[in-house]
């Protein structure tokens, strides 16, 4: 993937740089697969993976996840699978960053109450 990953982080290509508002150029959208540590856990011991079912830009907890975990926009996640423009999934060795630093792409109709 062309986005900043753990293996090419130092290259600082276009997706390793930041926008003027401090966000990464890396998108996060409905259909991506993410990895994170639950809010109540010991750091580094309980990683979870979930599908992003929908993204809402107006919420403090913008991601609706398949695990029904509710994560604040400051919570760290990394994308592990991403959707290609043609619709297929590709493995992605992303880096952890706060949800609010991704370029969130609003989409999906599922809410936290639907999961």
C-alpha atoms as a PDB file:
ATOM      1  CA  UNK A   1       0.000   0.000   0.000  1.00  0.00           C
ATOM      2  CA  UNK A   2       1.198   3.519  -0.733  1.00  0.00           C
ATOM      3  CA  UNK A   3       0.337   4.781   2.750  1.00  0.00           C
ATOM      4  CA  UNK A   4       2.784   5.092   5.593  1.00  0.00           C
ATOM      5  CA  UNK A   5       3.354   1.684   7.119  1.00  0.00           C
ATOM      6  CA  UNK A   6       5.641   0.253   9.736  1.00  0.00           C
ATOM      7  CA  UNK A   7       8.067  -0.841   7.014  1.00  0.00           C
ATOM      8  CA  UNK A   8       8.317   2.462   5.127  1.00  0.00           C
ATOM      9  CA  UNK A   9       7.694   4.970   7.911  1.00  0.00           C
ATOM     10  CA  UNK A  10      11.112   6.591   7.563  1.00  0.00           C
ATOM     11  CA  UNK A  11      10.693   7.221   3.838  1.00  0.00           C
ATOM     12  CA  UNK A  12       8.272  10.027   4.673  1.00  0.00           C
ATOM     13  CA  UNK A  13       6.605   9.900   1.288  1.00  0.00           C
ATOM     14  CA  UNK A  14       3.448  11.881   0.566  1.00  0.00           C
ATOM     15  CA  UNK A  15       1.398   9.787   2.985  1.00  0.00           C
ATOM     16  CA  UNK A  16       3.996  10.093   5.748  1.00  0.00           C
ATOM     17  CA  UNK A  17       3.693  13.872   5.806  1.00  0.00           C
ATOM     18  CA  UNK A  18       0.988  15.811   7.590  1.00  0.00           C
ATOM     19  CA  UNK A  19      -1.591  18.292   6.367  1.00  0.00           C
ATOM     20  CA  UNK A  20      -1.633  21.852   7.696  1.00  0.00           C
ATOM     21  CA  UNK A  21      -4.140  20.817  10.386  1.00  0.00           C
ATOM     22  CA  UNK A  22      -1.792  18.077  11.673  1.00  0.00           C
ATOM     23  CA  UNK A  23      -3.652  15.127  10.174  1.00  0.00           C
ATOM     24  CA  UNK A  24      -2.110  12.311   8.206  1.00  0.00           C
ATOM     25  CA  UNK A  25      -3.042  11.919   4.557  1.00  0.00           C
ATOM     26  CA  UNK A  26      -3.948   8.291   5.329  1.00  0.00           C
ATOM     27  CA  UNK A  27      -7.693   7.669   4.957  1.00  0.00           C
ATOM     28  CA  UNK A  28      -9.882   5.607   7.277  1.00  0.00           C
ATOM     29  CA  UNK A  29     -13.190   4.480   5.824  1.00  0.00           C
ATOM     30  CA  UNK A  30     -16.041   2.048   6.160  1.00  0.00           C
ATOM     31  CA  UNK A  31     -14.885  -1.437   5.169  1.00  0.00           C
ATOM     32  CA  UNK A  32     -11.330  -1.095   6.513  1.00  0.00           C
ATOM     33  CA  UNK A  33     -10.087  -3.639   9.048  1.00  0.00           C
ATOM     34  CA  UNK A  34      -8.381  -2.110  12.092  1.00  0.00           C
ATOM     35  CA  UNK A  35      -6.430  -3.298  15.120  1.00  0.00           C
ATOM     36  CA  UNK A  36      -6.533  -1.603  18.523  1.00  0.00           C
ATOM     37  CA  UNK A  37      -6.274  -2.191  22.256  1.00  0.00           C
ATOM     38  CA  UNK A  38      -9.607  -2.072  24.118  1.00  0.00           C
ATOM     39  CA  UNK A  39     -10.116   0.797  26.544  1.00  0.00           C
ATOM     40  CA  UNK A  40     -10.092  -1.501  29.576  1.00  0.00           C
ATOM     41  CA  UNK A  41      -6.972  -3.626  29.169  1.00  0.00           C
ATOM     42  CA  UNK A  42      -3.294  -3.707  29.943  1.00  0.00           C
ATOM     43  CA  UNK A  43      -1.421  -1.986  27.128  1.00  0.00           C
ATOM     44  CA  UNK A  44       0.181  -4.430  24.728  1.00  0.00           C
ATOM     45  CA  UNK A  45      -1.628  -7.523  25.978  1.00  0.00           C
ATOM     46  CA  UNK A  46      -5.058  -7.604  24.361  1.00  0.00           C
ATOM     47  CA  UNK A  47      -5.151  -6.552  20.725  1.00  0.00           C
ATOM     48  CA  UNK A  48      -8.489  -6.695  18.935  1.00  0.00           C
ATOM     49  CA  UNK A  49      -9.361  -6.594  15.279  1.00  0.00           C
ATOM     50  CA  UNK A  50     -12.591  -5.190  13.902  1.00  0.00           C
ATOM     51  CA  UNK A  51     -14.251  -4.109  10.683  1.00  0.00           C
ATOM     52  CA  UNK A  52     -15.168  -0.457  10.406  1.00  0.00           C
ATOM     53  CA  UNK A  53     -18.910  -0.604   9.692  1.00  0.00           C
ATOM     54  CA  UNK A  54     -19.448   3.142   9.407  1.00  0.00           C
ATOM     55  CA  UNK A  55     -17.736   6.482  10.010  1.00  0.00           C
ATOM     56  CA  UNK A  56     -19.483   9.595  11.358  1.00  0.00           C
ATOM     57  CA  UNK A  57     -17.473  12.826  11.290  1.00  0.00           C
ATOM     58  CA  UNK A  58     -19.767  14.623  13.735  1.00  0.00           C
ATOM     59  CA  UNK A  59     -19.296  12.161  16.598  1.00  0.00           C
ATOM     60  CA  UNK A  60     -16.694  12.093  19.387  1.00  0.00           C
ATOM     61  CA  UNK A  61     -16.634   8.318  18.777  1.00  0.00           C
ATOM     62  CA  UNK A  62     -16.599   8.378  14.963  1.00  0.00           C
ATOM     63  CA  UNK A  63     -16.129   4.664  14.198  1.00  0.00           C
ATOM     64  CA  UNK A  64     -18.801   1.982  14.447  1.00  0.00           C
ATOM     65  CA  UNK A  65     -16.895  -1.295  14.788  1.00  0.00           C
ATOM     66  CA  UNK A  66     -17.985  -4.894  14.262  1.00  0.00           C
ATOM     67  CA  UNK A  67     -16.901  -5.703  17.841  1.00  0.00           C
ATOM     68  CA  UNK A  68     -19.292  -3.054  19.217  1.00  0.00           C
ATOM     69  CA  UNK A  69     -16.372  -1.397  21.051  1.00  0.00           C
ATOM     70  CA  UNK A  70     -16.796   2.372  21.266  1.00  0.00           C
ATOM     71  CA  UNK A  71     -13.519   4.238  20.805  1.00  0.00           C
ATOM     72  CA  UNK A  72     -12.954   7.939  21.411  1.00  0.00           C
ATOM     73  CA  UNK A  73     -11.414   9.901  18.542  1.00  0.00           C
ATOM     74  CA  UNK A  74      -8.111  10.065  20.483  1.00  0.00           C
ATOM     75  CA  UNK A  75      -7.858   6.253  20.693  1.00  0.00           C
ATOM     76  CA  UNK A  76      -4.984   4.671  18.736  1.00  0.00           C
ATOM     77  CA  UNK A  77      -5.817   2.308  15.882  1.00  0.00           C
ATOM     78  CA  UNK A  78      -3.959   0.980  12.874  1.00  0.00           C
ATOM     79  CA  UNK A  79      -5.347  -0.249   9.589  1.00  0.00           C
ATOM     80  CA  UNK A  80      -4.468  -3.886   8.865  1.00  0.00           C
ATOM     81  CA  UNK A  81      -6.580  -4.371   5.728  1.00  0.00           C
ATOM     82  CA  UNK A  82      -7.810  -1.690   3.351  1.00  0.00           C
ATOM     83  CA  UNK A  83     -10.250  -1.546   0.471  1.00  0.00           C
ATOM     84  CA  UNK A  84      -8.727  -0.941  -2.947  1.00  0.00           C
ATOM     85  CA  UNK A  85     -10.465   1.402  -5.409  1.00  0.00           C
ATOM     86  CA  UNK A  86     -11.776  -1.675  -7.263  1.00  0.00           C
ATOM     87  CA  UNK A  87     -13.360  -3.036  -4.079  1.00  0.00           C
ATOM     88  CA  UNK A  88     -10.912  -5.792  -3.062  1.00  0.00           C
ATOM     89  CA  UNK A  89      -9.162  -6.055   0.302  1.00  0.00           C
ATOM     90  CA  UNK A  90      -5.391  -5.706   0.614  1.00  0.00           C
ATOM     91  CA  UNK A  91      -3.246  -6.401   3.687  1.00  0.00           C
ATOM     92  CA  UNK A  92      -1.778  -3.207   5.121  1.00  0.00           C
ATOM     93  CA  UNK A  93       0.954  -2.912   7.767  1.00  0.00           C
ATOM     94  CA  UNK A  94      -0.175   0.426   9.124  1.00  0.00           C
ATOM     95  CA  UNK A  95       1.125   2.357  12.094  1.00  0.00           C
ATOM     96  CA  UNK A  96      -0.859   3.249  15.192  1.00  0.00           C
ATOM     97  CA  UNK A  97      -2.244   6.779  15.231  1.00  0.00           C
ATOM     98  CA  UNK A  98      -5.192   8.509  16.932  1.00  0.00           C
ATOM     99  CA  UNK A  99      -8.458   8.107  15.022  1.00  0.00           C
ATOM    100  CA  UNK A 100      -8.738  11.900  14.732  1.00  0.00           C
ATOM    101  CA  UNK A 101      -5.430  12.068  12.806  1.00  0.00           C
ATOM    102  CA  UNK A 102      -6.728   9.930   9.921  1.00  0.00           C
ATOM    103  CA  UNK A 103      -8.536  11.480   6.980  1.00  0.00           C
ATOM    104  CA  UNK A 104     -11.930  10.113   8.006  1.00  0.00           C
ATOM    105  CA  UNK A 105     -14.219   9.378   5.085  1.00  0.00           C
ATOM    106  CA  UNK A 106     -17.833   9.458   6.208  1.00  0.00           C
ATOM    107  CA  UNK A 107     -19.853   6.455   5.117  1.00  0.00           C
ATOM    108  CA  UNK A 108     -22.067   3.601   6.212  1.00  0.00           C
ATOM    109  CA  UNK A 109     -25.488   3.753   7.818  1.00  0.00           C
ATOM    110  CA  UNK A 110     -24.928   1.540  10.863  1.00  0.00           C
ATOM    111  CA  UNK A 111     -24.962   3.247  14.268  1.00  0.00           C
ATOM    112  CA  UNK A 112     -23.599   2.093  17.636  1.00  0.00           C
ATOM    113  CA  UNK A 113     -27.129   1.017  18.610  1.00  0.00           C
ATOM    114  CA  UNK A 114     -27.422  -1.281  15.550  1.00  0.00           C
ATOM    115  CA  UNK A 115     -24.397  -3.469  16.320  1.00  0.00           C
END
